[in-house]
Amino acid sequence: LGKLPIFGICLGHQLLCRALGATTYKLKFGHRGLNQPV
């Protein structure tokens, strides 16, 4: 962190956020599919 640009996706996003001090939790049934609105 801070030494060069970092880009994370999915688990990489979660791990980056944990490195930034955040916590993670399990969803009831998750998000899986091709039609998820963000």
PDB file of all heavy atoms in Angstrom:
ATOM      1  N   LEU A   1       0.820  -1.213   0.000  1.00  0.00           N
ATOM      2  CA  LEU A   1       0.000   0.000   0.000  1.00  0.00           C
ATOM      3  C   LEU A   1       0.855   1.265   0.000  1.00  0.00           C
ATOM      4  O   LEU A   1       1.808   1.390   0.773  1.00  0.00           O
ATOM      5  CB  LEU A   1      -0.918   0.014   1.220  1.00  0.00           C
ATOM      6  CG  LEU A   1      -2.186  -0.836   1.132  1.00  0.00           C
ATOM      7  CD1 LEU A   1      -2.886  -0.893   2.481  1.00  0.00           C
ATOM      8  CD2 LEU A   1      -3.138  -0.278   0.069  1.00  0.00           C
ATOM      9  N   GLY A   2       0.506   2.158  -0.913  1.00  0.00           N
ATOM     10  CA  GLY A   2       1.181   3.442  -0.999  1.00  0.00           C
ATOM     11  C   GLY A   2       2.434   3.436  -1.840  1.00  0.00           C
ATOM     12  O   GLY A   2       2.961   4.504  -2.171  1.00  0.00           O
ATOM     13  N   LYS A   3       2.928   2.259  -2.198  1.00  0.00           N
ATOM     14  CA  LYS A   3       4.188   2.180  -2.955  1.00  0.00           C
ATOM     15  C   LYS A   3       3.963   2.211  -4.455  1.00  0.00           C
ATOM     16  O   LYS A   3       4.853   2.616  -5.207  1.00  0.00           O
ATOM     17  CB  LYS A   3       4.944   0.913  -2.559  1.00  0.00           C
ATOM     18  CG  LYS A   3       5.367   0.912  -1.101  1.00  0.00           C
ATOM     19  CD  LYS A   3       6.112  -0.360  -0.721  1.00  0.00           C
ATOM     20  CE  LYS A   3       6.534  -0.302   0.753  1.00  0.00           C
ATOM     21  NZ  LYS A   3       7.215  -1.548   1.188  1.00  0.00           N
ATOM     22  N   LEU A   4       2.792   1.788  -4.910  1.00  0.00           N
ATOM     23  CA  LEU A   4       2.451   1.783  -6.322  1.00  0.00           C
ATOM     24  C   LEU A   4       0.958   1.534  -6.449  1.00  0.00           C
ATOM     25  O   LEU A   4       0.308   1.090  -5.498  1.00  0.00           O
ATOM     26  CB  LEU A   4       3.256   0.744  -7.099  1.00  0.00           C
ATOM     27  CG  LEU A   4       2.951  -0.748  -6.944  1.00  0.00           C
ATOM     28  CD1 LEU A   4       3.870  -1.564  -7.834  1.00  0.00           C
ATOM     29  CD2 LEU A   4       3.084  -1.231  -5.524  1.00  0.00           C
ATOM     30  N   PRO A   5       0.341   1.817  -7.598  1.00  0.00           N
ATOM     31  CA  PRO A   5      -1.099   1.626  -7.742  1.00  0.00           C
ATOM     32  C   PRO A   5      -1.517   0.167  -7.546  1.00  0.00           C
ATOM     33  O   PRO A   5      -0.829  -0.757  -7.992  1.00  0.00           O
ATOM     34  CB  PRO A   5      -1.374   2.095  -9.172  1.00  0.00           C
ATOM     35  CG  PRO A   5      -0.267   3.049  -9.474  1.00  0.00           C
ATOM     36  CD  PRO A   5       0.939   2.479  -8.778  1.00  0.00           C
ATOM     37  N   ILE A   6      -2.669  -0.023  -6.893  1.00  0.00           N
ATOM     38  CA  ILE A   6      -3.229  -1.342  -6.645  1.00  0.00           C
ATOM     39  C   ILE A   6      -4.689  -1.338  -7.088  1.00  0.00           C
ATOM     40  O   ILE A   6      -5.445  -0.414  -6.791  1.00  0.00           O
ATOM     41  CB  ILE A   6      -3.152  -1.719  -5.153  1.00  0.00           C
ATOM     42  CG1 ILE A   6      -1.698  -1.757  -4.683  1.00  0.00           C
ATOM     43  CG2 ILE A   6      -3.828  -3.065  -4.891  1.00  0.00           C
ATOM     44  CD1 ILE A   6      -1.547  -2.009  -3.194  1.00  0.00           C
ATOM     45  N   PHE A   7      -5.072  -2.380  -7.804  1.00  0.00           N
ATOM     46  CA  PHE A   7      -6.446  -2.558  -8.289  1.00  0.00           C
ATOM     47  C   PHE A   7      -6.900  -3.962  -7.910  1.00  0.00           C
ATOM     48  O   PHE A   7      -6.209  -4.938  -8.199  1.00  0.00           O
ATOM     49  CB  PHE A   7      -6.470  -2.366  -9.818  1.00  0.00           C
ATOM     50  CG  PHE A   7      -7.784  -2.670 -10.491  1.00  0.00           C
ATOM     51  CD1 PHE A   7      -8.999  -2.499  -9.837  1.00  0.00           C
ATOM     52  CD2 PHE A   7      -7.794  -3.109 -11.810  1.00  0.00           C
ATOM     53  CE1 PHE A   7     -10.209  -2.764 -10.474  1.00  0.00           C
ATOM     54  CE2 PHE A   7      -8.989  -3.383 -12.458  1.00  0.00           C
ATOM     55  CZ  PHE A   7     -10.201  -3.214 -11.789  1.00  0.00           C
ATOM     56  N   GLY A   8      -8.043  -4.067  -7.228  1.00  0.00           N
ATOM     57  CA  GLY A   8      -8.543  -5.365  -6.802  1.00  0.00           C
ATOM     58  C   GLY A   8      -9.942  -5.643  -7.315  1.00  0.00           C
ATOM     59  O   GLY A   8     -10.752  -4.729  -7.500  1.00  0.00           O
ATOM     60  N   ILE A   9     -10.220  -6.915  -7.556  1.00  0.00           N
ATOM     61  CA  ILE A   9     -11.540  -7.377  -7.994  1.00  0.00           C
ATOM     62  C   ILE A   9     -11.994  -8.510  -7.093  1.00  0.00           C
ATOM     63  O   ILE A   9     -11.227  -9.440  -6.825  1.00  0.00           O
ATOM     64  CB  ILE A   9     -11.508  -7.854  -9.463  1.00  0.00           C
ATOM     65  CG1 ILE A   9     -11.387  -6.661 -10.419  1.00  0.00           C
ATOM     66  CG2 ILE A   9     -12.741  -8.674  -9.810  1.00  0.00           C
ATOM     67  CD1 ILE A   9     -11.243  -7.056 -11.881  1.00  0.00           C
ATOM     68  N   CYS A  10     -13.233  -8.453  -6.607  1.00  0.00           N
ATOM     69  CA  CYS A  10     -13.904  -9.523  -5.866  1.00  0.00           C
ATOM     70  C   CYS A  10     -13.134  -9.879  -4.582  1.00  0.00           C
ATOM     71  O   CYS A  10     -13.050  -9.066  -3.680  1.00  0.00           O
ATOM     72  CB  CYS A  10     -14.132 -10.734  -6.761  1.00  0.00           C
ATOM     73  SG  CYS A  10     -15.441 -11.828  -6.162  1.00  0.00           S
ATOM     74  N   LEU A  11     -12.542 -11.076  -4.477  1.00  0.00           N
ATOM     75  CA  LEU A  11     -11.762 -11.399  -3.285  1.00  0.00           C
ATOM     76  C   LEU A  11     -10.624 -10.400  -3.124  1.00  0.00           C
ATOM     77  O   LEU A  11     -10.294  -9.988  -2.007  1.00  0.00           O
ATOM     78  CB  LEU A  11     -11.205 -12.819  -3.363  1.00  0.00           C
ATOM     79  CG  LEU A  11     -10.328 -13.257  -2.183  1.00  0.00           C
ATOM     80  CD1 LEU A  11     -11.116 -13.266  -0.879  1.00  0.00           C
ATOM     81  CD2 LEU A  11      -9.705 -14.634  -2.443  1.00  0.00           C
ATOM     82  N   GLY A  12     -10.006  -9.989  -4.235  1.00  0.00           N
ATOM     83  CA  GLY A  12      -8.953  -8.980  -4.167  1.00  0.00           C
ATOM     84  C   GLY A  12      -9.449  -7.679  -3.565  1.00  0.00           C
ATOM     85  O   GLY A  12      -8.723  -7.006  -2.812  1.00  0.00           O
ATOM     86  N   HIS A  13     -10.678  -7.307  -3.878  1.00  0.00           N
ATOM     87  CA  HIS A  13     -11.315  -6.121  -3.280  1.00  0.00           C
ATOM     88  C   HIS A  13     -11.486  -6.313  -1.772  1.00  0.00           C
ATOM     89  O   HIS A  13     -11.163  -5.422  -0.981  1.00  0.00           O
ATOM     90  CB  HIS A  13     -12.668  -5.907  -3.963  1.00  0.00           C
ATOM     91  CG  HIS A  13     -13.685  -5.166  -3.172  1.00  0.00           C
ATOM     92  ND1 HIS A  13     -13.658  -3.792  -2.993  1.00  0.00           N
ATOM     93  CD2 HIS A  13     -14.783  -5.612  -2.502  1.00  0.00           C
ATOM     94  CE1 HIS A  13     -14.695  -3.428  -2.249  1.00  0.00           C
ATOM     95  NE2 HIS A  13     -15.398  -4.505  -1.936  1.00  0.00           N
ATOM     96  N   GLN A  14     -11.969  -7.471  -1.381  1.00  0.00           N
ATOM     97  CA  GLN A  14     -12.189  -7.742   0.045  1.00  0.00           C
ATOM     98  C   GLN A  14     -10.876  -7.729   0.826  1.00  0.00           C
ATOM     99  O   GLN A  14     -10.790  -7.172   1.931  1.00  0.00           O
ATOM    100  CB  GLN A  14     -12.898  -9.084   0.198  1.00  0.00           C
ATOM    101  CG  GLN A  14     -14.289  -9.111  -0.418  1.00  0.00           C
ATOM    102  CD  GLN A  14     -14.812 -10.513  -0.642  1.00  0.00           C
ATOM    103  OE1 GLN A  14     -14.138 -11.506  -0.316  1.00  0.00           O
ATOM    104  NE2 GLN A  14     -16.012 -10.631  -1.193  1.00  0.00           N
ATOM    105  N   LEU A  15      -9.846  -8.343   0.254  1.00  0.00           N
ATOM    106  CA  LEU A  15      -8.551  -8.388   0.920  1.00  0.00           C
ATOM    107  C   LEU A  15      -7.925  -7.001   1.018  1.00  0.00           C
ATOM    108  O   LEU A  15      -7.320  -6.638   2.041  1.00  0.00           O
ATOM    109  CB  LEU A  15      -7.624  -9.346   0.174  1.00  0.00           C
ATOM    110  CG  LEU A  15      -8.052 -10.818   0.168  1.00  0.00           C
ATOM    111  CD1 LEU A  15      -7.145 -11.635  -0.733  1.00  0.00           C
ATOM    112  CD2 LEU A  15      -8.063 -11.389   1.581  1.00  0.00           C
ATOM    113  N   LEU A  16      -8.061  -6.201  -0.042  1.00  0.00           N
ATOM    114  CA  LEU A  16      -7.561  -4.826  -0.001  1.00  0.00           C
ATOM    115  C   LEU A  16      -8.265  -4.049   1.107  1.00  0.00           C
ATOM    116  O   LEU A  16      -7.619  -3.328   1.889  1.00  0.00           O
ATOM    117  CB  LEU A  16      -7.781  -4.147  -1.354  1.00  0.00           C
ATOM    118  CG  LEU A  16      -7.477  -2.640  -1.403  1.00  0.00           C
ATOM    119  CD1 LEU A  16      -6.011  -2.366  -1.112  1.00  0.00           C
ATOM    120  CD2 LEU A  16      -7.875  -2.055  -2.747  1.00  0.00           C
ATOM    121  N   CYS A  17      -9.585  -4.198   1.186  1.00  0.00           N
ATOM    122  CA  CYS A  17     -10.331  -3.467   2.213  1.00  0.00           C
ATOM    123  C   CYS A  17      -9.944  -3.918   3.613  1.00  0.00           C
ATOM    124  O   CYS A  17      -9.856  -3.095   4.538  1.00  0.00           O
ATOM    125  CB  CYS A  17     -11.828  -3.630   1.976  1.00  0.00           C
ATOM    126  SG  CYS A  17     -12.424  -2.759   0.512  1.00  0.00           S
ATOM    127  N   ARG A  18      -9.691  -5.194   3.796  1.00  0.00           N
ATOM    128  CA  ARG A  18      -9.227  -5.662   5.104  1.00  0.00           C
ATOM    129  C   ARG A  18      -7.854  -5.064   5.424  1.00  0.00           C
ATOM    130  O   ARG A  18      -7.564  -4.741   6.575  1.00  0.00           O
ATOM    131  CB  ARG A  18      -9.194  -7.190   5.141  1.00  0.00           C
ATOM    132  CG  ARG A  18     -10.583  -7.819   5.137  1.00  0.00           C
ATOM    133  CD  ARG A  18     -10.522  -9.329   5.324  1.00  0.00           C
ATOM    134  NE  ARG A  18     -10.113  -9.666   6.681  1.00  0.00           N
ATOM    135  CZ  ARG A  18     -10.938  -9.823   7.710  1.00  0.00           C
ATOM    136  NH1 ARG A  18     -12.248  -9.663   7.540  1.00  0.00           N
ATOM    137  NH2 ARG A  18     -10.490 -10.135   8.906  1.00  0.00           N
ATOM    138  N   ALA A  19      -7.013  -4.926   4.400  1.00  0.00           N
ATOM    139  CA  ALA A  19      -5.706  -4.298   4.612  1.00  0.00           C
ATOM    140  C   ALA A  19      -5.859  -2.823   4.970  1.00  0.00           C
ATOM    141  O   ALA A  19      -4.981  -2.244   5.621  1.00  0.00           O
ATOM    142  CB  ALA A  19      -4.843  -4.450   3.354  1.00  0.00           C
ATOM    143  N   LEU A  20      -6.978  -2.213   4.561  1.00  0.00           N
ATOM    144  CA  LEU A  20      -7.257  -0.812   4.877  1.00  0.00           C
ATOM    145  C   LEU A  20      -8.002  -0.664   6.202  1.00  0.00           C
ATOM    146  O   LEU A  20      -8.412   0.435   6.568  1.00  0.00           O
ATOM    147  CB  LEU A  20      -8.078  -0.179   3.751  1.00  0.00           C
ATOM    148  CG  LEU A  20      -7.350   0.019   2.416  1.00  0.00           C
ATOM    149  CD1 LEU A  20      -8.340   0.380   1.317  1.00  0.00           C
ATOM    150  CD2 LEU A  20      -6.266   1.085   2.538  1.00  0.00           C
ATOM    151  N   GLY A  21      -8.218  -1.784   6.896  1.00  0.00           N
ATOM    152  CA  GLY A  21      -8.826  -1.733   8.221  1.00  0.00           C
ATOM    153  C   GLY A  21     -10.276  -2.146   8.287  1.00  0.00           C
ATOM    154  O   GLY A  21     -10.873  -2.138   9.373  1.00  0.00           O
ATOM    155  N   ALA A  22     -10.881  -2.523   7.150  1.00  0.00           N
ATOM    156  CA  ALA A  22     -12.292  -2.876   7.130  1.00  0.00           C
ATOM    157  C   ALA A  22     -12.511  -4.324   7.563  1.00  0.00           C
ATOM    158  O   ALA A  22     -11.581  -5.136   7.610  1.00  0.00           O
ATOM    159  CB  ALA A  22     -12.878  -2.663   5.737  1.00  0.00           C
ATOM    160  N   THR A  23     -13.754  -4.644   7.852  1.00  0.00           N
ATOM    161  CA  THR A  23     -14.150  -6.018   8.138  1.00  0.00           C
ATOM    162  C   THR A  23     -15.041  -6.526   7.006  1.00  0.00           C
ATOM    163  O   THR A  23     -15.587  -5.739   6.215  1.00  0.00           O
ATOM    164  CB  THR A  23     -14.919  -6.119   9.463  1.00  0.00           C
ATOM    165  OG1 THR A  23     -16.068  -5.265   9.408  1.00  0.00           O
ATOM    166  CG2 THR A  23     -14.041  -5.708  10.630  1.00  0.00           C
ATOM    167  N   THR A  24     -15.173  -7.839   6.922  1.00  0.00           N
ATOM    168  CA  THR A  24     -16.034  -8.469   5.927  1.00  0.00           C
ATOM    169  C   THR A  24     -17.027  -9.381   6.636  1.00  0.00           C
ATOM    170  O   THR A  24     -16.793  -9.814   7.762  1.00  0.00           O
ATOM    171  CB  THR A  24     -15.213  -9.281   4.914  1.00  0.00           C
ATOM    172  OG1 THR A  24     -14.321 -10.160   5.619  1.00  0.00           O
ATOM    173  CG2 THR A  24     -14.383  -8.373   4.019  1.00  0.00           C
ATOM    174  N   TYR A  25     -18.122  -9.673   5.951  1.00  0.00           N
ATOM    175  CA  TYR A  25     -19.114 -10.580   6.519  1.00  0.00           C
ATOM    176  C   TYR A  25     -19.781 -11.379   5.412  1.00  0.00           C
ATOM    177  O   TYR A  25     -19.703 -11.009   4.232  1.00  0.00           O
ATOM    178  CB  TYR A  25     -20.162  -9.814   7.336  1.00  0.00           C
ATOM    179  CG  TYR A  25     -20.998  -8.825   6.546  1.00  0.00           C
ATOM    180  CD1 TYR A  25     -22.252  -9.198   6.029  1.00  0.00           C
ATOM    181  CD2 TYR A  25     -20.558  -7.522   6.328  1.00  0.00           C
ATOM    182  CE1 TYR A  25     -23.021  -8.293   5.314  1.00  0.00           C
ATOM    183  CE2 TYR A  25     -21.326  -6.614   5.617  1.00  0.00           C
ATOM    184  CZ  TYR A  25     -22.557  -6.998   5.115  1.00  0.00           C
ATOM    185  OH  TYR A  25     -23.312  -6.106   4.395  1.00  0.00           O
ATOM    186  N   LYS A  26     -20.435 -12.464   5.776  1.00  0.00           N
ATOM    187  CA  LYS A  26     -21.058 -13.363   4.805  1.00  0.00           C
ATOM    188  C   LYS A  26     -22.502 -12.937   4.547  1.00  0.00           C
ATOM    189  O   LYS A  26     -23.272 -12.696   5.476  1.00  0.00           O
ATOM    190  CB  LYS A  26     -21.018 -14.807   5.296  1.00  0.00           C
ATOM    191  CG  LYS A  26     -21.285 -15.840   4.203  1.00  0.00           C
ATOM    192  CD  LYS A  26     -21.075 -17.256   4.731  1.00  0.00           C
ATOM    193  CE  LYS A  26     -21.067 -18.272   3.593  1.00  0.00           C
ATOM    194  NZ  LYS A  26     -22.332 -18.319   2.865  1.00  0.00           N
ATOM    195  N   LEU A  27     -22.864 -12.870   3.284  1.00  0.00           N
ATOM    196  CA  LEU A  27     -24.236 -12.598   2.895  1.00  0.00           C
ATOM    197  C   LEU A  27     -25.104 -13.833   3.101  1.00  0.00           C
ATOM    198  O   LEU A  27     -24.601 -14.959   3.159  1.00  0.00           O
ATOM    199  CB  LEU A  27     -24.293 -12.179   1.428  1.00  0.00           C
ATOM    200  CG  LEU A  27     -23.669 -10.828   1.082  1.00  0.00           C
ATOM    201  CD1 LEU A  27     -23.496 -10.713  -0.422  1.00  0.00           C
ATOM    202  CD2 LEU A  27     -24.519  -9.687   1.609  1.00  0.00           C
ATOM    203  N   LYS A  28     -26.409 -13.625   3.164  1.00  0.00           N
ATOM    204  CA  LYS A  28     -27.323 -14.745   3.380  1.00  0.00           C
ATOM    205  C   LYS A  28     -27.221 -15.754   2.245  1.00  0.00           C
ATOM    206  O   LYS A  28     -27.119 -16.948   2.474  1.00  0.00           O
ATOM    207  CB  LYS A  28     -28.756 -14.236   3.528  1.00  0.00           C
ATOM    208  CG  LYS A  28     -29.773 -15.323   3.843  1.00  0.00           C
ATOM    209  CD  LYS A  28     -31.151 -14.736   4.075  1.00  0.00           C
ATOM    210  CE  LYS A  28     -32.157 -15.832   4.424  1.00  0.00           C
ATOM    211  NZ  LYS A  28     -33.511 -15.269   4.657  1.00  0.00           N
ATOM    212  N   PHE A  29     -27.271 -15.263   0.990  1.00  0.00           N
ATOM    213  CA  PHE A  29     -27.165 -16.177  -0.155  1.00  0.00           C
ATOM    214  C   PHE A  29     -26.284 -15.632  -1.276  1.00  0.00           C
ATOM    215  O   PHE A  29     -26.177 -16.236  -2.330  1.00  0.00           O
ATOM    216  CB  PHE A  29     -28.558 -16.538  -0.713  1.00  0.00           C
ATOM    217  CG  PHE A  29     -29.437 -15.353  -1.018  1.00  0.00           C
ATOM    218  CD1 PHE A  29     -29.306 -14.662  -2.211  1.00  0.00           C
ATOM    219  CD2 PHE A  29     -30.399 -14.939  -0.119  1.00  0.00           C
ATOM    220  CE1 PHE A  29     -30.121 -13.575  -2.504  1.00  0.00           C
ATOM    221  CE2 PHE A  29     -31.230 -13.855  -0.396  1.00  0.00           C
ATOM    222  CZ  PHE A  29     -31.082 -13.170  -1.593  1.00  0.00           C
ATOM    223  N   GLY A  30     -25.646 -14.511  -1.056  1.00  0.00           N
ATOM    224  CA  GLY A  30     -24.656 -14.009  -1.997  1.00  0.00           C
ATOM    225  C   GLY A  30     -25.236 -13.330  -3.219  1.00  0.00           C
ATOM    226  O   GLY A  30     -26.456 -13.238  -3.404  1.00  0.00           O
ATOM    227  N   HIS A  31     -24.340 -12.843  -4.057  1.00  0.00           N
ATOM    228  CA  HIS A  31     -24.688 -12.251  -5.355  1.00  0.00           C
ATOM    229  C   HIS A  31     -23.981 -13.057  -6.433  1.00  0.00           C
ATOM    230  O   HIS A  31     -22.745 -13.060  -6.496  1.00  0.00           O
ATOM    231  CB  HIS A  31     -24.202 -10.796  -5.454  1.00  0.00           C
ATOM    232  CG  HIS A  31     -24.740  -9.885  -4.396  1.00  0.00           C
ATOM    233  ND1 HIS A  31     -23.987  -8.872  -3.847  1.00  0.00           N
ATOM    234  CD2 HIS A  31     -25.945  -9.832  -3.784  1.00  0.00           C
ATOM    235  CE1 HIS A  31     -24.711  -8.215  -2.949  1.00  0.00           C
ATOM    236  NE2 HIS A  31     -25.901  -8.791  -2.885  1.00  0.00           N
ATOM    237  N   ARG A  32     -24.745 -13.717  -7.278  1.00  0.00           N
ATOM    238  CA  ARG A  32     -24.140 -14.502  -8.356  1.00  0.00           C
ATOM    239  C   ARG A  32     -25.016 -14.393  -9.596  1.00  0.00           C
ATOM    240  O   ARG A  32     -26.174 -14.783  -9.563  1.00  0.00           O
ATOM    241  CB  ARG A  32     -23.968 -15.976  -7.937  1.00  0.00           C
ATOM    242  CG  ARG A  32     -23.020 -16.139  -6.755  1.00  0.00           C
ATOM    243  CD  ARG A  32     -22.959 -17.570  -6.268  1.00  0.00           C
ATOM    244  NE  ARG A  32     -22.063 -17.689  -5.117  1.00  0.00           N
ATOM    245  CZ  ARG A  32     -22.448 -17.512  -3.845  1.00  0.00           C
ATOM    246  NH1 ARG A  32     -23.720 -17.233  -3.572  1.00  0.00           N
ATOM    247  NH2 ARG A  32     -21.579 -17.608  -2.862  1.00  0.00           N
ATOM    248  N   GLY A  33     -24.443 -13.863 -10.664  1.00  0.00           N
ATOM    249  CA  GLY A  33     -25.206 -13.712 -11.891  1.00  0.00           C
ATOM    250  C   GLY A  33     -24.642 -12.613 -12.767  1.00  0.00           C
ATOM    251  O   GLY A  33     -23.647 -11.964 -12.422  1.00  0.00           O
ATOM    252  N   LEU A  34     -25.310 -12.376 -13.896  1.00  0.00           N
ATOM    253  CA  LEU A  34     -24.817 -11.439 -14.904  1.00  0.00           C
ATOM    254  C   LEU A  34     -25.645 -10.162 -14.969  1.00  0.00           C
ATOM    255  O   LEU A  34     -25.450  -9.355 -15.875  1.00  0.00           O
ATOM    256  CB  LEU A  34     -24.846 -12.099 -16.295  1.00  0.00           C
ATOM    257  CG  LEU A  34     -24.339 -13.540 -16.401  1.00  0.00           C
ATOM    258  CD1 LEU A  34     -24.400 -14.003 -17.848  1.00  0.00           C
ATOM    259  CD2 LEU A  34     -22.923 -13.655 -15.852  1.00  0.00           C
ATOM    260  N   ASN A  35     -26.567  -9.990 -14.023  1.00  0.00           N
ATOM    261  CA  ASN A  35     -27.526  -8.886 -14.128  1.00  0.00           C
ATOM    262  C   ASN A  35     -27.634  -8.105 -12.820  1.00  0.00           C
ATOM    263  O   ASN A  35     -28.717  -7.682 -12.434  1.00  0.00           O
ATOM    264  CB  ASN A  35     -28.896  -9.437 -14.504  1.00  0.00           C
ATOM    265  CG  ASN A  35     -29.338 -10.581 -13.591  1.00  0.00           C
ATOM    266  OD1 ASN A  35     -28.621 -10.956 -12.661  1.00  0.00           O
ATOM    267  ND2 ASN A  35     -30.507 -11.126 -13.860  1.00  0.00           N
ATOM    268  N   GLN A  36     -26.506  -7.887 -12.159  1.00  0.00           N
ATOM    269  CA  GLN A  36     -26.496  -7.243 -10.849  1.00  0.00           C
ATOM    270  C   GLN A  36     -26.293  -5.730 -11.014  1.00  0.00           C
ATOM    271  O   GLN A  36     -25.282  -5.284 -11.537  1.00  0.00           O
ATOM    272  CB  GLN A  36     -25.370  -7.821  -9.992  1.00  0.00           C
ATOM    273  CG  GLN A  36     -25.382  -9.338  -9.868  1.00  0.00           C
ATOM    274  CD  GLN A  36     -26.442  -9.821  -8.897  1.00  0.00           C
ATOM    275  OE1 GLN A  36     -26.752  -9.156  -7.919  1.00  0.00           O
ATOM    276  NE2 GLN A  36     -26.996 -10.997  -9.153  1.00  0.00           N
ATOM    277  N   PRO A  37     -27.252  -4.897 -10.545  1.00  0.00           N
ATOM    278  CA  PRO A  37     -27.157  -3.441 -10.734  1.00  0.00           C
ATOM    279  C   PRO A  37     -26.279  -2.769  -9.680  1.00  0.00           C
ATOM    280  O   PRO A  37     -26.456  -2.977  -8.482  1.00  0.00           O
ATOM    281  CB  PRO A  37     -28.611  -2.981 -10.603  1.00  0.00           C
ATOM    282  CG  PRO A  37     -29.227  -3.976  -9.661  1.00  0.00           C
ATOM    283  CD  PRO A  37     -28.526  -5.301  -9.917  1.00  0.00           C
ATOM    284  N   VAL A  38     -25.348  -1.949 -10.133  1.00  0.00           N
ATOM    285  CA  VAL A  38     -24.414  -1.245  -9.254  1.00  0.00           C
ATOM    286  C   VAL A  38     -24.437   0.241  -9.589  1.00  0.00           C
ATOM    287  O   VAL A  38     -24.458   0.624 -10.770  1.00  0.00           O
ATOM    288  CB  VAL A  38     -22.985  -1.803  -9.412  1.00  0.00           C
ATOM    289  CG1 VAL A  38     -21.967  -0.909  -8.727  1.00  0.00           C
ATOM    290  CG2 VAL A  38     -22.909  -3.220  -8.857  1.00  0.00           C
TER     291      VAL A  38
END
